[in-house]
């Protein structure tokens, strides 16, 4: 395709000739025409007087218009409701199941409608990592962390674990076990520093 042929193609495109017809006539795909239009700033909204064959009204879709490409029957009203719940802190995977859409669709529509959490002050962010997996472990806050006395720290972990087991809080027990492994390694490291360097300070963290 030469520059002259592209110019001829986009002149016909602006006159309202369907892109399927143009693609067949010029031996390219509709996707290539769309890509070249974006690359050359020849989109329908960028060319004065161009015939816009799209079905979308100039004032936008009605709030109850069902999008034909949506298998779950999403409308602008439903998308607004979904994104308001997303901004309120509900998980995207849960909203995806409720509305019958994908997580990616929720994220792309939030970006398109400027309803991302970074766009809206006061949006509720969901915790990630360990804080999202378990609630605050009150038993862990009772453990006396003393890397200079590994035995006393081990006993403190044991007392907290027994209390969690008696309370039937197995999430707390699992987290205590996980943290105990890490602190055990730290206690070993402190002992190594004592032997090799004659002491330990918080700067070794």
C-alpha atoms as a PDB file:
ATOM      1  CA  UNK A   1       0.000   0.000   0.000  1.00  0.00           C
ATOM      2  CA  UNK A   2       1.438   3.320  -1.096  1.00  0.00           C
ATOM      3  CA  UNK A   3       0.672   6.630   0.588  1.00  0.00           C
ATOM      4  CA  UNK A   4      -1.575   7.591  -2.346  1.00  0.00           C
ATOM      5  CA  UNK A   5      -3.625   4.393  -1.963  1.00  0.00           C
ATOM      6  CA  UNK A   6      -3.997   4.977   1.777  1.00  0.00           C
ATOM      7  CA  UNK A   7      -5.165   8.531   1.132  1.00  0.00           C
ATOM      8  CA  UNK A   8      -7.712   7.278  -1.395  1.00  0.00           C
ATOM      9  CA  UNK A   9      -8.902   4.652   1.070  1.00  0.00           C
ATOM     10  CA  UNK A  10      -9.407   7.137   3.905  1.00  0.00           C
ATOM     11  CA  UNK A  11     -11.140   9.633   1.596  1.00  0.00           C
ATOM     12  CA  UNK A  12     -13.719   6.936   0.798  1.00  0.00           C
ATOM     13  CA  UNK A  13     -13.839   5.985   4.461  1.00  0.00           C
ATOM     14  CA  UNK A  14     -14.726   9.586   5.361  1.00  0.00           C
ATOM     15  CA  UNK A  15     -17.455   9.545   2.704  1.00  0.00           C
ATOM     16  CA  UNK A  16     -19.129   6.601   4.448  1.00  0.00           C
ATOM     17  CA  UNK A  17     -17.966   3.578   2.452  1.00  0.00           C
ATOM     18  CA  UNK A  18     -18.031   0.563   4.819  1.00  0.00           C
ATOM     19  CA  UNK A  19     -14.607  -0.602   5.918  1.00  0.00           C
ATOM     20  CA  UNK A  20     -15.445  -4.199   5.003  1.00  0.00           C
ATOM     21  CA  UNK A  21     -15.896  -3.035   1.407  1.00  0.00           C
ATOM     22  CA  UNK A  22     -12.684  -1.002   1.521  1.00  0.00           C
ATOM     23  CA  UNK A  23     -10.746  -3.913   3.016  1.00  0.00           C
ATOM     24  CA  UNK A  24     -11.839  -6.201   0.179  1.00  0.00           C
ATOM     25  CA  UNK A  25     -11.182  -3.542  -2.466  1.00  0.00           C
ATOM     26  CA  UNK A  26      -7.670  -2.688  -1.280  1.00  0.00           C
ATOM     27  CA  UNK A  27      -6.613  -6.155  -0.144  1.00  0.00           C
ATOM     28  CA  UNK A  28      -6.154  -5.370   3.557  1.00  0.00           C
ATOM     29  CA  UNK A  29      -8.023  -6.260   6.729  1.00  0.00           C
ATOM     30  CA  UNK A  30     -10.501  -4.134   8.649  1.00  0.00           C
ATOM     31  CA  UNK A  31      -8.115  -4.293  11.622  1.00  0.00           C
ATOM     32  CA  UNK A  32      -5.288  -2.867   9.489  1.00  0.00           C
ATOM     33  CA  UNK A  33      -7.525  -0.007   8.362  1.00  0.00           C
ATOM     34  CA  UNK A  34      -8.438   0.748  11.986  1.00  0.00           C
ATOM     35  CA  UNK A  35      -4.775   0.628  13.041  1.00  0.00           C
ATOM     36  CA  UNK A  36      -3.707   2.919  10.198  1.00  0.00           C
ATOM     37  CA  UNK A  37      -6.582   5.312  11.001  1.00  0.00           C
ATOM     38  CA  UNK A  38      -5.384   5.558  14.597  1.00  0.00           C
ATOM     39  CA  UNK A  39      -1.763   5.926  13.497  1.00  0.00           C
ATOM     40  CA  UNK A  40      -2.600   8.688  10.994  1.00  0.00           C
ATOM     41  CA  UNK A  41      -5.155  10.490  13.216  1.00  0.00           C
ATOM     42  CA  UNK A  42      -7.909   9.609  10.745  1.00  0.00           C
ATOM     43  CA  UNK A  43     -10.431   8.244  13.247  1.00  0.00           C
ATOM     44  CA  UNK A  44     -14.063   9.185  12.666  1.00  0.00           C
ATOM     45  CA  UNK A  45     -14.051  11.730  15.448  1.00  0.00           C
ATOM     46  CA  UNK A  46     -10.833  13.326  14.170  1.00  0.00           C
ATOM     47  CA  UNK A  47     -11.945  14.038  10.591  1.00  0.00           C
ATOM     48  CA  UNK A  48     -14.301  16.995  10.144  1.00  0.00           C
ATOM     49  CA  UNK A  49     -17.433  16.086   8.211  1.00  0.00           C
ATOM     50  CA  UNK A  50     -16.691  12.347   8.172  1.00  0.00           C
ATOM     51  CA  UNK A  51     -19.722  10.057   7.964  1.00  0.00           C
ATOM     52  CA  UNK A  52     -19.816   8.121  11.240  1.00  0.00           C
ATOM     53  CA  UNK A  53     -21.443   4.751  10.647  1.00  0.00           C
ATOM     54  CA  UNK A  54     -21.156   3.660  14.271  1.00  0.00           C
ATOM     55  CA  UNK A  55     -24.407   2.969  16.144  1.00  0.00           C
ATOM     56  CA  UNK A  56     -23.371   4.853  19.270  1.00  0.00           C
ATOM     57  CA  UNK A  57     -25.432   8.073  19.610  1.00  0.00           C
ATOM     58  CA  UNK A  58     -23.538  11.336  19.916  1.00  0.00           C
ATOM     59  CA  UNK A  59     -25.014  11.901  23.392  1.00  0.00           C
ATOM     60  CA  UNK A  60     -24.001   8.383  24.498  1.00  0.00           C
ATOM     61  CA  UNK A  61     -25.959   5.195  25.142  1.00  0.00           C
ATOM     62  CA  UNK A  62     -29.191   5.147  27.124  1.00  0.00           C
ATOM     63  CA  UNK A  63     -28.616   3.938  30.684  1.00  0.00           C
ATOM     64  CA  UNK A  64     -30.653   0.767  30.018  1.00  0.00           C
ATOM     65  CA  UNK A  65     -29.156   0.004  26.593  1.00  0.00           C
ATOM     66  CA  UNK A  66     -27.988  -3.637  26.494  1.00  0.00           C
ATOM     67  CA  UNK A  67     -24.575  -3.943  24.842  1.00  0.00           C
ATOM     68  CA  UNK A  68     -24.781  -6.554  22.085  1.00  0.00           C
ATOM     69  CA  UNK A  69     -21.277  -7.864  22.811  1.00  0.00           C
ATOM     70  CA  UNK A  70     -22.149  -8.484  26.462  1.00  0.00           C
ATOM     71  CA  UNK A  71     -23.272 -12.081  27.003  1.00  0.00           C
ATOM     72  CA  UNK A  72     -24.478 -11.190  30.507  1.00  0.00           C
ATOM     73  CA  UNK A  73     -26.668  -8.299  29.280  1.00  0.00           C
ATOM     74  CA  UNK A  74     -24.647  -5.445  30.808  1.00  0.00           C
ATOM     75  CA  UNK A  75     -26.028  -1.920  30.473  1.00  0.00           C
ATOM     76  CA  UNK A  76     -24.498   1.463  31.395  1.00  0.00           C
ATOM     77  CA  UNK A  77     -26.645   1.419  34.536  1.00  0.00           C
ATOM     78  CA  UNK A  78     -25.348  -2.022  35.554  1.00  0.00           C
ATOM     79  CA  UNK A  79     -21.758  -1.008  34.848  1.00  0.00           C
ATOM     80  CA  UNK A  80     -22.161   2.070  37.034  1.00  0.00           C
ATOM     81  CA  UNK A  81     -23.631  -0.065  39.819  1.00  0.00           C
ATOM     82  CA  UNK A  82     -20.809  -2.603  39.487  1.00  0.00           C
ATOM     83  CA  UNK A  83     -18.094   0.050  39.573  1.00  0.00           C
ATOM     84  CA  UNK A  84     -19.675   1.845  42.529  1.00  0.00           C
ATOM     85  CA  UNK A  85     -19.500  -1.428  44.472  1.00  0.00           C
ATOM     86  CA  UNK A  86     -15.902  -1.850  43.291  1.00  0.00           C
ATOM     87  CA  UNK A  87     -15.040   1.621  44.616  1.00  0.00           C
ATOM     88  CA  UNK A  88     -16.782   0.682  47.864  1.00  0.00           C
ATOM     89  CA  UNK A  89     -14.237  -2.084  48.462  1.00  0.00           C
ATOM     90  CA  UNK A  90     -15.871  -5.246  47.108  1.00  0.00           C
ATOM     91  CA  UNK A  91     -13.496  -7.766  45.520  1.00  0.00           C
ATOM     92  CA  UNK A  92     -13.315  -7.716  41.717  1.00  0.00           C
ATOM     93  CA  UNK A  93     -13.500 -11.520  41.442  1.00  0.00           C
ATOM     94  CA  UNK A  94     -16.733 -11.521  43.462  1.00  0.00           C
ATOM     95  CA  UNK A  95     -18.224  -8.724  41.326  1.00  0.00           C
ATOM     96  CA  UNK A  96     -17.189 -10.607  38.183  1.00  0.00           C
ATOM     97  CA  UNK A  97     -19.211 -13.636  39.331  1.00  0.00           C
ATOM     98  CA  UNK A  98     -22.235 -11.525  40.299  1.00  0.00           C
ATOM     99  CA  UNK A  99     -22.428  -9.567  37.017  1.00  0.00           C
ATOM    100  CA  UNK A 100     -21.183 -12.337  34.717  1.00  0.00           C
ATOM    101  CA  UNK A 101     -18.202 -10.385  33.391  1.00  0.00           C
ATOM    102  CA  UNK A 102     -14.443 -10.813  33.634  1.00  0.00           C
ATOM    103  CA  UNK A 103     -12.105  -9.094  36.087  1.00  0.00           C
ATOM    104  CA  UNK A 104     -10.336  -7.528  33.094  1.00  0.00           C
ATOM    105  CA  UNK A 105     -13.624  -6.053  31.857  1.00  0.00           C
ATOM    106  CA  UNK A 106     -14.216  -4.429  35.242  1.00  0.00           C
ATOM    107  CA  UNK A 107     -10.729  -2.927  35.225  1.00  0.00           C
ATOM    108  CA  UNK A 108     -10.936  -1.691  31.620  1.00  0.00           C
ATOM    109  CA  UNK A 109     -14.364  -0.108  32.147  1.00  0.00           C
ATOM    110  CA  UNK A 110     -13.163   1.531  35.351  1.00  0.00           C
ATOM    111  CA  UNK A 111     -10.321   3.074  33.340  1.00  0.00           C
ATOM    112  CA  UNK A 112     -12.604   4.104  30.460  1.00  0.00           C
ATOM    113  CA  UNK A 113     -15.168   5.722  32.760  1.00  0.00           C
ATOM    114  CA  UNK A 114     -12.503   7.262  35.035  1.00  0.00           C
ATOM    115  CA  UNK A 115     -13.787   5.216  37.967  1.00  0.00           C
ATOM    116  CA  UNK A 116     -10.514   3.623  38.994  1.00  0.00           C
ATOM    117  CA  UNK A 117      -9.653   3.859  42.669  1.00  0.00           C
ATOM    118  CA  UNK A 118      -6.862   6.285  41.815  1.00  0.00           C
ATOM    119  CA  UNK A 119      -9.438   8.513  40.053  1.00  0.00           C
ATOM    120  CA  UNK A 120     -11.998   8.699  42.884  1.00  0.00           C
ATOM    121  CA  UNK A 121     -11.090  10.215  46.282  1.00  0.00           C
ATOM    122  CA  UNK A 122     -12.308   8.119  49.191  1.00  0.00           C
ATOM    123  CA  UNK A 123     -12.310   4.807  47.309  1.00  0.00           C
ATOM    124  CA  UNK A 124     -11.861   1.800  49.591  1.00  0.00           C
ATOM    125  CA  UNK A 125      -8.701  -0.211  48.965  1.00  0.00           C
ATOM    126  CA  UNK A 126      -8.653  -3.912  49.819  1.00  0.00           C
ATOM    127  CA  UNK A 127      -5.683  -5.169  51.883  1.00  0.00           C
ATOM    128  CA  UNK A 128      -3.182  -7.433  50.182  1.00  0.00           C
ATOM    129  CA  UNK A 129      -0.671 -10.024  51.335  1.00  0.00           C
ATOM    130  CA  UNK A 130      -0.867 -11.474  54.818  1.00  0.00           C
ATOM    131  CA  UNK A 131      -3.319  -8.834  55.996  1.00  0.00           C
ATOM    132  CA  UNK A 132      -5.780  -9.948  53.336  1.00  0.00           C
ATOM    133  CA  UNK A 133      -5.399 -13.640  54.132  1.00  0.00           C
ATOM    134  CA  UNK A 134      -6.014 -13.451  57.884  1.00  0.00           C
ATOM    135  CA  UNK A 135      -7.328 -10.890  60.363  1.00  0.00           C
ATOM    136  CA  UNK A 136      -4.971  -9.280  62.855  1.00  0.00           C
ATOM    137  CA  UNK A 137      -3.503 -12.060  64.983  1.00  0.00           C
ATOM    138  CA  UNK A 138      -3.986 -10.951  68.585  1.00  0.00           C
ATOM    139  CA  UNK A 139      -2.066 -13.996  69.790  1.00  0.00           C
ATOM    140  CA  UNK A 140       0.989 -12.932  67.816  1.00  0.00           C
ATOM    141  CA  UNK A 141       0.983  -9.528  69.521  1.00  0.00           C
ATOM    142  CA  UNK A 142       1.390 -11.305  72.867  1.00  0.00           C
ATOM    143  CA  UNK A 143       4.616 -13.059  71.859  1.00  0.00           C
ATOM    144  CA  UNK A 144       7.721 -11.591  73.510  1.00  0.00           C
ATOM    145  CA  UNK A 145      10.270 -11.148  70.748  1.00  0.00           C
ATOM    146  CA  UNK A 146      13.748 -11.400  72.259  1.00  0.00           C
ATOM    147  CA  UNK A 147      16.376 -12.575  69.819  1.00  0.00           C
ATOM    148  CA  UNK A 148      18.967 -12.581  72.612  1.00  0.00           C
ATOM    149  CA  UNK A 149      17.004 -15.275  74.439  1.00  0.00           C
ATOM    150  CA  UNK A 150      15.789 -17.803  71.869  1.00  0.00           C
ATOM    151  CA  UNK A 151      14.512 -20.247  74.504  1.00  0.00           C
ATOM    152  CA  UNK A 152      12.301 -17.655  76.200  1.00  0.00           C
ATOM    153  CA  UNK A 153      10.969 -16.560  72.809  1.00  0.00           C
ATOM    154  CA  UNK A 154      10.196 -20.194  71.932  1.00  0.00           C
ATOM    155  CA  UNK A 155       8.251 -20.607  75.187  1.00  0.00           C
ATOM    156  CA  UNK A 156       6.355 -17.396  74.480  1.00  0.00           C
ATOM    157  CA  UNK A 157       5.382 -18.709  71.040  1.00  0.00           C
ATOM    158  CA  UNK A 158       4.258 -21.971  72.675  1.00  0.00           C
ATOM    159  CA  UNK A 159       1.974 -20.164  75.125  1.00  0.00           C
ATOM    160  CA  UNK A 160       0.400 -18.095  72.341  1.00  0.00           C
ATOM    161  CA  UNK A 161      -0.103 -21.195  70.190  1.00  0.00           C
ATOM    162  CA  UNK A 162      -1.789 -23.118  73.016  1.00  0.00           C
ATOM    163  CA  UNK A 163      -4.159 -20.166  73.574  1.00  0.00           C
ATOM    164  CA  UNK A 164      -5.017 -20.061  69.861  1.00  0.00           C
ATOM    165  CA  UNK A 165      -5.653 -23.833  69.767  1.00  0.00           C
ATOM    166  CA  UNK A 166      -7.938 -23.620  72.796  1.00  0.00           C
ATOM    167  CA  UNK A 167      -9.860 -20.837  71.051  1.00  0.00           C
ATOM    168  CA  UNK A 168     -10.120 -23.045  67.926  1.00  0.00           C
ATOM    169  CA  UNK A 169      -8.487 -20.255  65.859  1.00  0.00           C
ATOM    170  CA  UNK A 170      -6.547 -22.305  63.346  1.00  0.00           C
ATOM    171  CA  UNK A 171      -5.731 -19.369  61.088  1.00  0.00           C
ATOM    172  CA  UNK A 172      -3.900 -17.809  64.040  1.00  0.00           C
ATOM    173  CA  UNK A 173      -2.111 -21.115  64.718  1.00  0.00           C
ATOM    174  CA  UNK A 174      -0.877 -21.329  61.107  1.00  0.00           C
ATOM    175  CA  UNK A 175       0.373 -17.754  61.169  1.00  0.00           C
ATOM    176  CA  UNK A 176       2.122 -18.294  64.511  1.00  0.00           C
ATOM    177  CA  UNK A 177       3.884 -21.336  63.071  1.00  0.00           C
ATOM    178  CA  UNK A 178       4.928 -19.375  59.980  1.00  0.00           C
ATOM    179  CA  UNK A 179       6.298 -16.473  62.025  1.00  0.00           C
ATOM    180  CA  UNK A 180       8.010 -18.822  64.461  1.00  0.00           C
ATOM    181  CA  UNK A 181      10.018 -20.365  61.618  1.00  0.00           C
ATOM    182  CA  UNK A 182      11.236 -16.919  60.553  1.00  0.00           C
ATOM    183  CA  UNK A 183      12.102 -15.799  64.066  1.00  0.00           C
ATOM    184  CA  UNK A 184      13.931 -19.087  64.660  1.00  0.00           C
ATOM    185  CA  UNK A 185      16.147 -18.331  61.690  1.00  0.00           C
ATOM    186  CA  UNK A 186      16.701 -14.823  63.016  1.00  0.00           C
ATOM    187  CA  UNK A 187      17.655 -16.171  66.439  1.00  0.00           C
ATOM    188  CA  UNK A 188      20.186 -18.472  64.753  1.00  0.00           C
ATOM    189  CA  UNK A 189      21.585 -15.483  62.862  1.00  0.00           C
ATOM    190  CA  UNK A 190      21.922 -13.496  66.091  1.00  0.00           C
ATOM    191  CA  UNK A 191      23.817 -16.367  67.692  1.00  0.00           C
ATOM    192  CA  UNK A 192      26.128 -16.480  64.691  1.00  0.00           C
ATOM    193  CA  UNK A 193      26.791 -12.733  65.000  1.00  0.00           C
ATOM    194  CA  UNK A 194      27.628 -13.176  68.673  1.00  0.00           C
ATOM    195  CA  UNK A 195      30.200 -15.838  67.868  1.00  0.00           C
ATOM    196  CA  UNK A 196      31.748 -14.197  64.810  1.00  0.00           C
ATOM    197  CA  UNK A 197      31.483 -10.506  65.591  1.00  0.00           C
ATOM    198  CA  UNK A 198      31.194 -10.415  69.354  1.00  0.00           C
ATOM    199  CA  UNK A 199      27.771  -8.861  69.489  1.00  0.00           C
ATOM    200  CA  UNK A 200      24.474  -7.980  67.855  1.00  0.00           C
ATOM    201  CA  UNK A 201      22.668  -4.736  67.159  1.00  0.00           C
ATOM    202  CA  UNK A 202      19.450  -3.771  65.473  1.00  0.00           C
ATOM    203  CA  UNK A 203      21.398  -2.455  62.484  1.00  0.00           C
ATOM    204  CA  UNK A 204      21.880  -6.070  61.357  1.00  0.00           C
ATOM    205  CA  UNK A 205      18.199  -6.175  60.368  1.00  0.00           C
END
